[in-house]
Amino acid sequence: MTLVDQWRAMHEALPEGWGNAQLRLITPDREQAQRAAVLLAPAHPGRLGRVVTFFAARRGAGPTPDLVTRLVQRLDRDGIDGQLKLVGTDVEAQAAAVAADTPSSFLEAWEAELAALPDDWSDLYIEVEVYSSDYLERAALLLAPLNPARYGGKAAFRGRVARRFGYGASPQMAKRCLERLDAEGIRGSVRVLRALSDTRPVQTQGPVWYVGGRSV
């Protein structure tokens, strides 16, 4: 099944009332993942190894389903193989947050993300998503040390974490920012979009990623 056929089947099966859907493309190798991230640039993708994550938004300023269809068709025309998966939607996330007696905290999610990284990780590009746009203004203030930036129409911020030196907040500061969100009852999730290991910059402030034509 082509990638666009996978997306169309997924789109038709999305729950009623969905606003945004998080998608994950798993490619056979890093080279294809890198090429896919370039072709998906208008959807503000994140890449980690062979995995590229991006989203579709039915409302707001994010990539529309029609745009996602055209972008995924680009991947097929470029000969990129892979499996497209639905990570989740805002409908499911909100329902889980309401239904859970003890919702998963930002801190728990952060520790789980760090545990999955190699021991020598040095630089991260992360995304902090909140389950309601009502949280955005307060979350931006609490996440200020991460220099949070908005991308697309998601209720989310992206920022950098640097383990030893260079661009980004320290892991300790990132943890403290997420603890502040938990302390104020803000609900959401945090994920690592990109990671580098054992970087050793010479006469620079550290590595630079390019996402959607912009340096981050």
N, C-alpha and C. Protein backbone atom coordinates (compact mmCIF):
# COMPACT_ATOMS: atom_id res chain seq x y z
N MET A 1 0.84 -1.20 0.00
CA MET A 1 0.00 0.00 0.00
C MET A 1 0.88 1.25 0.00
N THR A 2 0.58 2.18 -0.87
CA THR A 2 1.36 3.40 -0.92
C THR A 2 1.14 4.22 0.35
N LEU A 3 2.05 5.17 0.57
CA LEU A 3 1.91 6.02 1.75
C LEU A 3 0.64 6.87 1.68
N VAL A 4 0.30 7.37 0.49
CA VAL A 4 -0.91 8.19 0.40
C VAL A 4 -2.16 7.34 0.64
N ASP A 5 -2.14 6.08 0.23
CA ASP A 5 -3.27 5.19 0.52
C ASP A 5 -3.37 4.92 2.02
N GLN A 6 -2.22 4.77 2.68
CA GLN A 6 -2.22 4.59 4.13
C GLN A 6 -2.83 5.81 4.82
N TRP A 7 -2.43 7.01 4.35
CA TRP A 7 -2.95 8.24 4.95
C TRP A 7 -4.45 8.38 4.72
N ARG A 8 -4.92 8.08 3.51
CA ARG A 8 -6.35 8.21 3.22
C ARG A 8 -7.18 7.27 4.08
N ALA A 9 -6.70 6.04 4.26
CA ALA A 9 -7.42 5.09 5.11
C ALA A 9 -7.43 5.57 6.55
N MET A 10 -6.31 6.12 6.99
CA MET A 10 -6.20 6.63 8.35
C MET A 10 -7.12 7.84 8.54
N HIS A 11 -7.14 8.71 7.54
CA HIS A 11 -7.96 9.92 7.61
C HIS A 11 -9.44 9.56 7.76
N GLU A 12 -9.89 8.60 6.97
CA GLU A 12 -11.29 8.19 7.02
C GLU A 12 -11.67 7.58 8.37
N ALA A 13 -10.69 7.00 9.07
CA ALA A 13 -10.96 6.33 10.35
C ALA A 13 -10.80 7.23 11.56
N LEU A 14 -10.41 8.49 11.35
CA LEU A 14 -10.22 9.39 12.48
C LEU A 14 -11.54 9.62 13.23
N PRO A 15 -11.46 9.80 14.55
CA PRO A 15 -12.69 9.96 15.34
C PRO A 15 -13.42 11.26 15.02
N GLU A 16 -14.71 11.24 15.21
CA GLU A 16 -15.52 12.43 14.96
C GLU A 16 -15.09 13.57 15.89
N GLY A 17 -15.01 14.75 15.34
CA GLY A 17 -14.65 15.91 16.13
C GLY A 17 -13.16 16.13 16.31
N TRP A 18 -12.31 15.37 15.60
CA TRP A 18 -10.87 15.53 15.78
C TRP A 18 -10.44 16.90 15.27
N GLY A 19 -9.42 17.47 15.94
CA GLY A 19 -8.88 18.75 15.53
C GLY A 19 -7.48 18.63 14.97
N ASN A 20 -6.64 17.80 15.62
CA ASN A 20 -5.31 17.52 15.07
C ASN A 20 -4.96 16.07 15.33
N ALA A 21 -4.14 15.53 14.44
CA ALA A 21 -3.73 14.13 14.51
C ALA A 21 -2.22 14.05 14.38
N GLN A 22 -1.59 13.35 15.28
CA GLN A 22 -0.13 13.17 15.27
C GLN A 22 0.20 11.92 14.46
N LEU A 23 1.09 12.07 13.49
CA LEU A 23 1.43 10.98 12.58
C LEU A 23 2.91 10.61 12.73
N ARG A 24 3.20 9.34 12.46
CA ARG A 24 4.59 8.86 12.55
C ARG A 24 4.90 8.03 11.31
N LEU A 25 5.96 8.41 10.61
CA LEU A 25 6.42 7.67 9.45
C LEU A 25 7.70 6.92 9.82
N ILE A 26 7.67 5.61 9.68
CA ILE A 26 8.84 4.78 9.97
C ILE A 26 9.42 4.32 8.64
N THR A 27 10.64 4.73 8.35
CA THR A 27 11.28 4.43 7.08
C THR A 27 12.32 3.32 7.24
N PRO A 28 12.76 2.71 6.13
CA PRO A 28 13.74 1.62 6.24
C PRO A 28 15.12 2.06 6.72
N ASP A 29 15.50 3.32 6.46
CA ASP A 29 16.83 3.76 6.86
C ASP A 29 16.83 5.27 7.12
N ARG A 30 17.93 5.75 7.68
CA ARG A 30 18.05 7.16 8.05
C ARG A 30 18.04 8.08 6.83
N GLU A 31 18.64 7.60 5.72
CA GLU A 31 18.70 8.44 4.53
C GLU A 31 17.29 8.74 4.02
N GLN A 32 16.43 7.72 3.98
CA GLN A 32 15.06 7.96 3.54
C GLN A 32 14.32 8.86 4.53
N ALA A 33 14.60 8.68 5.81
CA ALA A 33 13.94 9.52 6.81
C ALA A 33 14.35 10.98 6.62
N GLN A 34 15.63 11.21 6.35
CA GLN A 34 16.10 12.58 6.14
C GLN A 34 15.45 13.19 4.90
N ARG A 35 15.35 12.42 3.84
CA ARG A 35 14.72 12.92 2.62
C ARG A 35 13.23 13.20 2.86
N ALA A 36 12.57 12.29 3.60
CA ALA A 36 11.15 12.49 3.89
C ALA A 36 10.93 13.75 4.69
N ALA A 37 11.81 14.03 5.65
CA ALA A 37 11.67 15.24 6.47
C ALA A 37 11.77 16.49 5.61
N VAL A 38 12.64 16.46 4.60
CA VAL A 38 12.77 17.61 3.69
C VAL A 38 11.48 17.80 2.89
N LEU A 39 10.95 16.72 2.35
CA LEU A 39 9.73 16.81 1.54
C LEU A 39 8.51 17.19 2.36
N LEU A 40 8.54 16.85 3.65
CA LEU A 40 7.42 17.16 4.55
C LEU A 40 7.59 18.50 5.26
N ALA A 41 8.56 19.30 4.83
CA ALA A 41 8.90 20.54 5.54
C ALA A 41 7.71 21.44 5.84
N PRO A 42 6.72 21.61 4.92
CA PRO A 42 5.58 22.47 5.23
C PRO A 42 4.74 21.99 6.42
N ALA A 43 4.90 20.72 6.81
CA ALA A 43 4.15 20.17 7.95
C ALA A 43 4.98 20.23 9.24
N HIS A 44 6.15 20.90 9.19
CA HIS A 44 7.01 21.08 10.37
C HIS A 44 7.33 19.74 11.04
N PRO A 45 7.96 18.81 10.31
CA PRO A 45 8.23 17.49 10.88
C PRO A 45 9.37 17.50 11.88
N GLY A 46 9.41 16.45 12.69
CA GLY A 46 10.54 16.17 13.54
C GLY A 46 11.12 14.82 13.14
N ARG A 47 12.42 14.65 13.27
CA ARG A 47 13.03 13.38 12.87
C ARG A 47 13.94 12.86 13.96
N LEU A 48 13.86 11.57 14.23
CA LEU A 48 14.75 10.90 15.16
C LEU A 48 15.09 9.54 14.57
N GLY A 49 16.32 9.40 14.07
CA GLY A 49 16.71 8.15 13.43
C GLY A 49 15.91 7.90 12.17
N ARG A 50 15.23 6.75 12.12
CA ARG A 50 14.44 6.38 10.95
C ARG A 50 12.99 6.86 11.04
N VAL A 51 12.67 7.60 12.08
CA VAL A 51 11.28 7.98 12.34
C VAL A 51 11.08 9.48 12.12
N VAL A 52 10.04 9.81 11.37
CA VAL A 52 9.67 11.19 11.12
C VAL A 52 8.26 11.41 11.69
N THR A 53 8.10 12.42 12.51
CA THR A 53 6.78 12.72 13.08
C THR A 53 6.29 14.06 12.52
N PHE A 54 4.99 14.13 12.27
CA PHE A 54 4.36 15.36 11.82
C PHE A 54 2.89 15.27 12.17
N PHE A 55 2.09 16.28 11.81
CA PHE A 55 0.70 16.24 12.19
C PHE A 55 -0.19 16.87 11.13
N ALA A 56 -1.45 16.55 11.22
CA ALA A 56 -2.48 17.15 10.37
C ALA A 56 -3.46 17.89 11.27
N ALA A 57 -3.95 19.03 10.80
CA ALA A 57 -4.87 19.84 11.61
C ALA A 57 -6.10 20.17 10.78
N ARG A 58 -7.25 19.84 11.32
CA ARG A 58 -8.49 20.16 10.62
C ARG A 58 -8.92 21.59 10.89
N ARG A 59 -8.46 22.14 12.02
CA ARG A 59 -8.77 23.52 12.38
C ARG A 59 -7.48 24.24 12.74
N GLY A 60 -7.51 25.55 12.66
CA GLY A 60 -6.33 26.33 13.03
C GLY A 60 -5.38 26.52 11.87
N ALA A 61 -4.14 26.89 12.22
CA ALA A 61 -3.15 27.27 11.20
C ALA A 61 -2.24 26.12 10.80
N GLY A 62 -2.49 24.92 11.26
CA GLY A 62 -1.62 23.80 10.96
C GLY A 62 -1.83 23.24 9.57
N PRO A 63 -1.05 22.23 9.18
CA PRO A 63 -1.18 21.60 7.86
C PRO A 63 -2.52 20.88 7.73
N THR A 64 -3.31 21.27 6.75
CA THR A 64 -4.64 20.69 6.56
C THR A 64 -4.53 19.26 6.03
N PRO A 65 -5.60 18.48 6.14
CA PRO A 65 -5.58 17.12 5.56
C PRO A 65 -5.25 17.13 4.07
N ASP A 66 -5.76 18.12 3.32
CA ASP A 66 -5.45 18.19 1.89
C ASP A 66 -3.96 18.44 1.66
N LEU A 67 -3.36 19.31 2.48
CA LEU A 67 -1.93 19.55 2.35
C LEU A 67 -1.14 18.30 2.69
N VAL A 68 -1.54 17.60 3.75
CA VAL A 68 -0.85 16.36 4.11
C VAL A 68 -0.95 15.35 2.97
N THR A 69 -2.11 15.27 2.32
CA THR A 69 -2.26 14.36 1.18
C THR A 69 -1.25 14.69 0.10
N ARG A 70 -1.11 15.98 -0.24
CA ARG A 70 -0.17 16.37 -1.29
C ARG A 70 1.27 16.09 -0.88
N LEU A 71 1.59 16.32 0.40
CA LEU A 71 2.95 16.07 0.86
C LEU A 71 3.29 14.58 0.83
N VAL A 72 2.34 13.75 1.26
CA VAL A 72 2.59 12.31 1.26
C VAL A 72 2.69 11.79 -0.17
N GLN A 73 1.95 12.39 -1.10
CA GLN A 73 2.10 12.01 -2.51
C GLN A 73 3.51 12.31 -3.00
N ARG A 74 4.11 13.39 -2.49
CA ARG A 74 5.51 13.67 -2.84
C ARG A 74 6.42 12.53 -2.43
N LEU A 75 6.17 11.99 -1.23
CA LEU A 75 7.00 10.88 -0.75
C LEU A 75 6.89 9.68 -1.67
N ASP A 76 5.66 9.38 -2.09
CA ASP A 76 5.46 8.24 -3.01
C ASP A 76 6.18 8.48 -4.33
N ARG A 77 6.06 9.69 -4.87
CA ARG A 77 6.72 9.99 -6.14
C ARG A 77 8.24 9.92 -6.02
N ASP A 78 8.75 10.21 -4.82
CA ASP A 78 10.21 10.17 -4.61
C ASP A 78 10.71 8.77 -4.29
N GLY A 79 9.79 7.80 -4.23
CA GLY A 79 10.19 6.42 -3.98
C GLY A 79 10.51 6.10 -2.53
N ILE A 80 9.99 6.91 -1.61
CA ILE A 80 10.24 6.66 -0.19
C ILE A 80 9.29 5.59 0.31
N ASP A 81 9.84 4.58 0.95
CA ASP A 81 9.05 3.50 1.53
C ASP A 81 8.85 3.75 3.02
N GLY A 82 7.89 3.05 3.57
CA GLY A 82 7.71 3.18 5.00
C GLY A 82 6.31 2.82 5.44
N GLN A 83 6.13 2.91 6.74
CA GLN A 83 4.83 2.62 7.35
C GLN A 83 4.36 3.87 8.08
N LEU A 84 3.16 4.30 7.73
CA LEU A 84 2.58 5.49 8.34
C LEU A 84 1.63 5.07 9.45
N LYS A 85 1.84 5.62 10.64
CA LYS A 85 1.03 5.24 11.80
C LYS A 85 0.40 6.47 12.43
N LEU A 86 -0.77 6.28 13.00
CA LEU A 86 -1.43 7.32 13.76
C LEU A 86 -0.98 7.20 15.21
N VAL A 87 -0.31 8.20 15.71
CA VAL A 87 0.14 8.20 17.10
C VAL A 87 -1.01 8.52 18.04
N GLY A 88 -1.84 9.47 17.65
CA GLY A 88 -2.98 9.85 18.49
C GLY A 88 -3.62 11.12 17.99
N THR A 89 -4.75 11.46 18.56
CA THR A 89 -5.46 12.69 18.21
C THR A 89 -5.76 13.48 19.47
N ASP A 90 -6.15 14.73 19.28
CA ASP A 90 -6.51 15.55 20.42
C ASP A 90 -7.76 15.03 21.12
N VAL A 91 -8.64 14.36 20.38
CA VAL A 91 -9.85 13.79 20.98
C VAL A 91 -9.46 12.71 21.98
N GLU A 92 -8.55 11.82 21.58
CA GLU A 92 -8.12 10.73 22.47
C GLU A 92 -7.37 11.28 23.68
N ALA A 93 -6.50 12.26 23.42
CA ALA A 93 -5.70 12.81 24.52
C ALA A 93 -6.58 13.47 25.57
N GLN A 94 -7.57 14.25 25.12
CA GLN A 94 -8.46 14.91 26.06
C GLN A 94 -9.31 13.91 26.82
N ALA A 95 -9.77 12.87 26.11
CA ALA A 95 -10.59 11.85 26.77
C ALA A 95 -9.77 11.11 27.82
N ALA A 96 -8.52 10.81 27.49
CA ALA A 96 -7.67 10.09 28.44
C ALA A 96 -7.40 10.94 29.67
N ALA A 97 -7.19 12.24 29.45
CA ALA A 97 -6.90 13.12 30.57
C ALA A 97 -8.09 13.24 31.51
N VAL A 98 -9.28 13.27 30.93
CA VAL A 98 -10.49 13.38 31.75
C VAL A 98 -10.80 12.07 32.47
N ALA A 99 -10.59 10.95 31.76
CA ALA A 99 -10.98 9.65 32.30
C ALA A 99 -10.02 9.13 33.37
N ALA A 100 -8.76 9.49 33.26
CA ALA A 100 -7.77 8.93 34.18
C ALA A 100 -7.93 9.50 35.58
N ASP A 101 -7.87 8.62 36.57
CA ASP A 101 -7.92 9.09 37.96
C ASP A 101 -6.67 9.87 38.32
N THR A 102 -5.52 9.37 37.83
CA THR A 102 -4.25 10.04 38.07
C THR A 102 -3.56 10.21 36.72
N PRO A 103 -3.77 11.33 36.03
CA PRO A 103 -3.19 11.50 34.70
C PRO A 103 -1.66 11.49 34.75
N SER A 104 -1.06 10.97 33.69
CA SER A 104 0.39 10.95 33.61
C SER A 104 0.92 12.37 33.64
N SER A 105 1.95 12.61 34.40
CA SER A 105 2.49 13.96 34.55
C SER A 105 3.52 14.25 33.48
N PHE A 106 3.81 15.53 33.29
CA PHE A 106 4.89 15.92 32.39
C PHE A 106 6.21 15.32 32.86
N LEU A 107 6.43 15.33 34.16
CA LEU A 107 7.69 14.81 34.70
C LEU A 107 7.85 13.33 34.40
N GLU A 108 6.79 12.55 34.58
CA GLU A 108 6.85 11.12 34.28
C GLU A 108 7.13 10.89 32.80
N ALA A 109 6.47 11.67 31.95
CA ALA A 109 6.69 11.52 30.52
C ALA A 109 8.12 11.89 30.13
N TRP A 110 8.66 12.95 30.75
CA TRP A 110 10.02 13.39 30.48
C TRP A 110 11.03 12.32 30.89
N GLU A 111 10.84 11.76 32.06
CA GLU A 111 11.77 10.72 32.52
C GLU A 111 11.72 9.49 31.62
N ALA A 112 10.53 9.17 31.10
CA ALA A 112 10.40 8.03 30.18
C ALA A 112 11.12 8.33 28.87
N GLU A 113 11.02 9.57 28.37
CA GLU A 113 11.72 9.94 27.15
C GLU A 113 13.23 9.85 27.33
N LEU A 114 13.72 10.35 28.46
CA LEU A 114 15.17 10.31 28.71
C LEU A 114 15.67 8.88 28.84
N ALA A 115 14.86 8.02 29.46
CA ALA A 115 15.27 6.62 29.65
C ALA A 115 15.44 5.89 28.33
N ALA A 116 14.74 6.36 27.29
CA ALA A 116 14.82 5.70 25.99
C ALA A 116 15.99 6.19 25.14
N LEU A 117 16.71 7.21 25.61
CA LEU A 117 17.82 7.77 24.84
C LEU A 117 19.12 7.02 25.13
N PRO A 118 20.08 7.07 24.19
CA PRO A 118 21.40 6.47 24.47
C PRO A 118 22.08 7.21 25.60
N ASP A 119 22.99 6.53 26.27
CA ASP A 119 23.65 7.11 27.45
C ASP A 119 24.47 8.35 27.13
N ASP A 120 24.93 8.48 25.88
CA ASP A 120 25.81 9.60 25.55
C ASP A 120 25.07 10.74 24.85
N TRP A 121 23.75 10.82 25.00
CA TRP A 121 23.03 11.91 24.33
C TRP A 121 23.57 13.26 24.82
N SER A 122 23.56 14.23 23.91
CA SER A 122 24.12 15.54 24.25
C SER A 122 23.18 16.70 23.93
N ASP A 123 22.37 16.57 22.88
CA ASP A 123 21.50 17.67 22.46
C ASP A 123 20.13 17.12 22.06
N LEU A 124 19.07 17.81 22.49
CA LEU A 124 17.70 17.38 22.19
C LEU A 124 16.89 18.53 21.62
N TYR A 125 15.97 18.17 20.75
CA TYR A 125 14.95 19.10 20.27
C TYR A 125 13.62 18.49 20.70
N ILE A 126 12.89 19.15 21.57
CA ILE A 126 11.72 18.55 22.20
C ILE A 126 10.45 19.33 21.89
N GLU A 127 9.33 18.66 22.10
CA GLU A 127 8.02 19.30 21.93
C GLU A 127 7.20 19.08 23.19
N VAL A 128 6.65 20.16 23.71
CA VAL A 128 5.75 20.09 24.88
C VAL A 128 4.36 20.48 24.39
N GLU A 129 3.44 19.53 24.42
CA GLU A 129 2.07 19.76 23.95
C GLU A 129 1.12 19.86 25.14
N VAL A 130 0.19 20.79 25.09
CA VAL A 130 -0.83 20.91 26.13
C VAL A 130 -2.17 20.50 25.52
N TYR A 131 -3.06 19.96 26.37
CA TYR A 131 -4.29 19.38 25.87
C TYR A 131 -5.38 20.41 25.59
N SER A 132 -5.16 21.64 25.94
CA SER A 132 -6.14 22.70 25.66
C SER A 132 -5.41 23.99 25.33
N SER A 133 -5.94 24.71 24.34
CA SER A 133 -5.33 26.00 24.00
C SER A 133 -5.46 27.01 25.14
N ASP A 134 -6.35 26.73 26.09
CA ASP A 134 -6.48 27.62 27.25
C ASP A 134 -5.19 27.65 28.08
N TYR A 135 -4.38 26.60 27.97
CA TYR A 135 -3.15 26.51 28.74
C TYR A 135 -1.99 27.26 28.10
N LEU A 136 -2.13 27.67 26.84
CA LEU A 136 -0.97 28.12 26.07
C LEU A 136 -0.24 29.32 26.71
N GLU A 137 -0.98 30.33 27.10
CA GLU A 137 -0.34 31.53 27.61
C GLU A 137 0.44 31.25 28.89
N ARG A 138 -0.17 30.53 29.81
CA ARG A 138 0.50 30.22 31.07
C ARG A 138 1.67 29.26 30.85
N ALA A 139 1.48 28.27 29.99
CA ALA A 139 2.55 27.31 29.71
C ALA A 139 3.75 28.01 29.09
N ALA A 140 3.51 28.99 28.22
CA ALA A 140 4.62 29.72 27.60
C ALA A 140 5.47 30.42 28.67
N LEU A 141 4.80 30.97 29.66
CA LEU A 141 5.52 31.65 30.74
C LEU A 141 6.33 30.65 31.57
N LEU A 142 5.72 29.53 31.92
CA LEU A 142 6.40 28.55 32.76
C LEU A 142 7.56 27.86 32.03
N LEU A 143 7.47 27.81 30.70
CA LEU A 143 8.51 27.16 29.90
C LEU A 143 9.54 28.17 29.38
N ALA A 144 9.48 29.39 29.83
CA ALA A 144 10.33 30.45 29.28
C ALA A 144 11.82 30.10 29.22
N PRO A 145 12.41 29.43 30.24
CA PRO A 145 13.84 29.09 30.14
C PRO A 145 14.19 28.19 28.96
N LEU A 146 13.19 27.50 28.40
CA LEU A 146 13.42 26.65 27.22
C LEU A 146 13.36 27.45 25.93
N ASN A 147 13.08 28.76 26.03
CA ASN A 147 12.89 29.59 24.84
C ASN A 147 11.86 28.94 23.91
N PRO A 148 10.65 28.68 24.40
CA PRO A 148 9.67 27.91 23.64
C PRO A 148 9.19 28.63 22.39
N ALA A 149 9.01 27.87 21.31
CA ALA A 149 8.53 28.41 20.03
C ALA A 149 7.34 27.61 19.56
N ARG A 150 6.37 28.30 18.96
CA ARG A 150 5.19 27.64 18.40
C ARG A 150 5.48 27.23 16.96
N TYR A 151 4.93 26.08 16.55
CA TYR A 151 5.05 25.61 15.18
C TYR A 151 3.69 25.12 14.72
N GLY A 152 3.20 25.66 13.60
CA GLY A 152 1.93 25.21 13.07
C GLY A 152 0.78 25.57 13.98
N GLY A 153 -0.30 24.78 13.89
CA GLY A 153 -1.51 25.09 14.64
C GLY A 153 -1.70 24.28 15.90
N LYS A 154 -0.74 23.43 16.25
CA LYS A 154 -0.88 22.63 17.46
C LYS A 154 -0.75 23.48 18.70
N ALA A 155 -1.41 23.02 19.77
CA ALA A 155 -1.25 23.66 21.08
C ALA A 155 0.03 23.10 21.70
N ALA A 156 1.16 23.54 21.18
CA ALA A 156 2.44 22.95 21.59
C ALA A 156 3.57 23.95 21.42
N PHE A 157 4.66 23.68 22.13
CA PHE A 157 5.87 24.48 22.05
C PHE A 157 7.04 23.54 21.78
N ARG A 158 8.05 24.08 21.10
CA ARG A 158 9.28 23.32 20.88
C ARG A 158 10.47 24.09 21.44
N GLY A 159 11.46 23.36 21.90
CA GLY A 159 12.65 23.99 22.46
C GLY A 159 13.81 23.02 22.48
N ARG A 160 14.97 23.52 22.91
CA ARG A 160 16.18 22.71 22.90
C ARG A 160 16.69 22.47 24.32
N VAL A 161 17.33 21.31 24.48
CA VAL A 161 17.97 20.94 25.74
C VAL A 161 19.40 20.53 25.43
N ALA A 162 20.35 21.07 26.16
CA ALA A 162 21.76 20.75 25.97
C ALA A 162 22.31 20.17 27.26
N ARG A 163 22.92 19.02 27.15
CA ARG A 163 23.34 18.30 28.35
C ARG A 163 24.58 18.89 29.00
N ARG A 164 25.54 19.35 28.17
CA ARG A 164 26.80 19.82 28.73
C ARG A 164 27.06 21.30 28.46
N PHE A 165 26.81 21.75 27.23
CA PHE A 165 27.10 23.13 26.87
C PHE A 165 26.35 23.45 25.58
N GLY A 166 26.38 24.73 25.19
CA GLY A 166 25.79 25.12 23.92
C GLY A 166 24.35 25.58 24.03
N TYR A 167 23.68 25.59 22.89
CA TYR A 167 22.30 26.07 22.82
C TYR A 167 21.37 25.15 23.62
N GLY A 168 20.41 25.75 24.28
CA GLY A 168 19.39 24.96 24.96
C GLY A 168 19.50 25.04 26.47
N ALA A 169 18.38 24.74 27.11
CA ALA A 169 18.35 24.69 28.57
C ALA A 169 19.02 23.41 29.06
N SER A 170 19.49 23.42 30.27
CA SER A 170 20.07 22.22 30.86
C SER A 170 18.97 21.21 31.15
N PRO A 171 19.30 19.92 31.27
CA PRO A 171 18.28 18.93 31.63
C PRO A 171 17.62 19.26 32.96
N GLN A 172 18.38 19.80 33.89
CA GLN A 172 17.82 20.14 35.20
C GLN A 172 16.78 21.27 35.08
N MET A 173 17.08 22.26 34.23
CA MET A 173 16.14 23.35 34.04
C MET A 173 14.90 22.87 33.30
N ALA A 174 15.09 22.00 32.29
CA ALA A 174 13.94 21.46 31.57
C ALA A 174 13.03 20.70 32.53
N LYS A 175 13.63 19.90 33.40
CA LYS A 175 12.85 19.16 34.39
C LYS A 175 12.07 20.11 35.29
N ARG A 176 12.72 21.19 35.71
CA ARG A 176 12.06 22.14 36.60
C ARG A 176 10.88 22.82 35.90
N CYS A 177 11.04 23.16 34.63
CA CYS A 177 9.95 23.77 33.87
C CYS A 177 8.75 22.84 33.79
N LEU A 178 9.01 21.56 33.54
CA LEU A 178 7.91 20.59 33.44
C LEU A 178 7.26 20.36 34.80
N GLU A 179 8.05 20.40 35.85
CA GLU A 179 7.48 20.30 37.20
C GLU A 179 6.53 21.46 37.48
N ARG A 180 6.85 22.63 36.96
CA ARG A 180 5.98 23.80 37.14
C ARG A 180 4.63 23.58 36.45
N LEU A 181 4.66 22.99 35.26
CA LEU A 181 3.41 22.69 34.57
C LEU A 181 2.56 21.73 35.40
N ASP A 182 3.20 20.68 35.92
CA ASP A 182 2.48 19.72 36.76
C ASP A 182 1.90 20.40 37.99
N ALA A 183 2.68 21.28 38.60
CA ALA A 183 2.25 21.93 39.84
C ALA A 183 1.01 22.79 39.63
N GLU A 184 0.82 23.32 38.42
CA GLU A 184 -0.33 24.17 38.14
C GLU A 184 -1.49 23.42 37.50
N GLY A 185 -1.37 22.09 37.45
CA GLY A 185 -2.46 21.29 36.93
C GLY A 185 -2.63 21.32 35.43
N ILE A 186 -1.59 21.77 34.72
CA ILE A 186 -1.65 21.78 33.26
C ILE A 186 -1.41 20.36 32.74
N ARG A 187 -2.25 19.93 31.82
CA ARG A 187 -2.14 18.57 31.31
C ARG A 187 -1.64 18.56 29.88
N GLY A 188 -0.85 17.55 29.57
CA GLY A 188 -0.31 17.45 28.22
C GLY A 188 0.74 16.37 28.13
N SER A 189 1.66 16.52 27.21
CA SER A 189 2.68 15.50 27.00
C SER A 189 3.97 16.17 26.54
N VAL A 190 5.07 15.44 26.64
CA VAL A 190 6.35 15.92 26.16
C VAL A 190 7.02 14.79 25.41
N ARG A 191 7.67 15.12 24.30
CA ARG A 191 8.34 14.10 23.51
C ARG A 191 9.63 14.65 22.92
N VAL A 192 10.58 13.77 22.70
CA VAL A 192 11.83 14.12 22.04
C VAL A 192 11.64 13.96 20.54
N LEU A 193 11.84 15.04 19.78
CA LEU A 193 11.69 14.99 18.33
C LEU A 193 13.01 14.62 17.65
N ARG A 194 14.11 15.17 18.16
CA ARG A 194 15.42 14.90 17.56
C ARG A 194 16.46 14.83 18.67
N ALA A 195 17.48 14.01 18.45
CA ALA A 195 18.53 13.86 19.46
C ALA A 195 19.87 13.65 18.78
N LEU A 196 20.91 14.18 19.41
CA LEU A 196 22.28 13.97 18.97
C LEU A 196 23.08 13.43 20.15
N SER A 197 24.11 12.66 19.84
CA SER A 197 24.94 12.07 20.88
C SER A 197 26.37 12.55 20.78
N ASP A 198 26.96 12.81 21.95
CA ASP A 198 28.39 13.09 22.07
C ASP A 198 28.89 14.16 21.10
N THR A 199 28.15 15.25 20.96
CA THR A 199 28.62 16.34 20.10
C THR A 199 29.77 17.06 20.77
N ARG A 200 30.72 17.48 19.95
CA ARG A 200 31.91 18.18 20.46
C ARG A 200 32.20 19.39 19.58
N PRO A 201 31.40 20.44 19.71
CA PRO A 201 31.61 21.62 18.86
C PRO A 201 32.95 22.30 19.14
N VAL A 202 33.54 22.81 18.08
CA VAL A 202 34.80 23.53 18.18
C VAL A 202 34.55 24.99 17.78
N GLN A 203 34.74 25.91 18.73
CA GLN A 203 34.55 27.34 18.52
C GLN A 203 33.14 27.66 18.03
N THR A 204 32.15 26.91 18.47
CA THR A 204 30.75 27.19 18.16
C THR A 204 29.94 27.00 19.44
N GLN A 205 28.68 27.40 19.37
CA GLN A 205 27.77 27.21 20.51
C GLN A 205 27.06 25.86 20.47
N GLY A 206 27.38 25.02 19.48
CA GLY A 206 26.74 23.72 19.41
C GLY A 206 26.07 23.49 18.07
N PRO A 207 25.50 22.31 17.85
CA PRO A 207 24.89 21.96 16.57
C PRO A 207 23.62 22.76 16.31
N VAL A 208 23.25 22.84 15.03
CA VAL A 208 22.03 23.53 14.62
C VAL A 208 21.21 22.59 13.76
N TRP A 209 19.92 22.48 14.06
CA TRP A 209 18.99 21.74 13.21
C TRP A 209 18.24 22.72 12.32
N TYR A 210 17.84 22.25 11.15
CA TYR A 210 17.00 23.04 10.26
C TYR A 210 15.64 22.34 10.15
N VAL A 211 14.58 23.04 10.53
CA VAL A 211 13.23 22.50 10.49
C VAL A 211 12.36 23.49 9.72
N GLY A 212 11.76 23.01 8.65
CA GLY A 212 10.92 23.88 7.84
C GLY A 212 11.66 25.09 7.30
N GLY A 213 12.95 24.90 6.99
CA GLY A 213 13.75 25.99 6.44
C GLY A 213 14.29 26.96 7.46
N ARG A 214 14.04 26.70 8.75
CA ARG A 214 14.51 27.59 9.80
C ARG A 214 15.49 26.85 10.71
N SER A 215 16.47 27.55 11.22
CA SER A 215 17.40 26.96 12.18
C SER A 215 16.76 26.95 13.56
N VAL A 216 16.96 25.88 14.31
CA VAL A 216 16.39 25.78 15.66
C VAL A 216 17.47 25.30 16.62
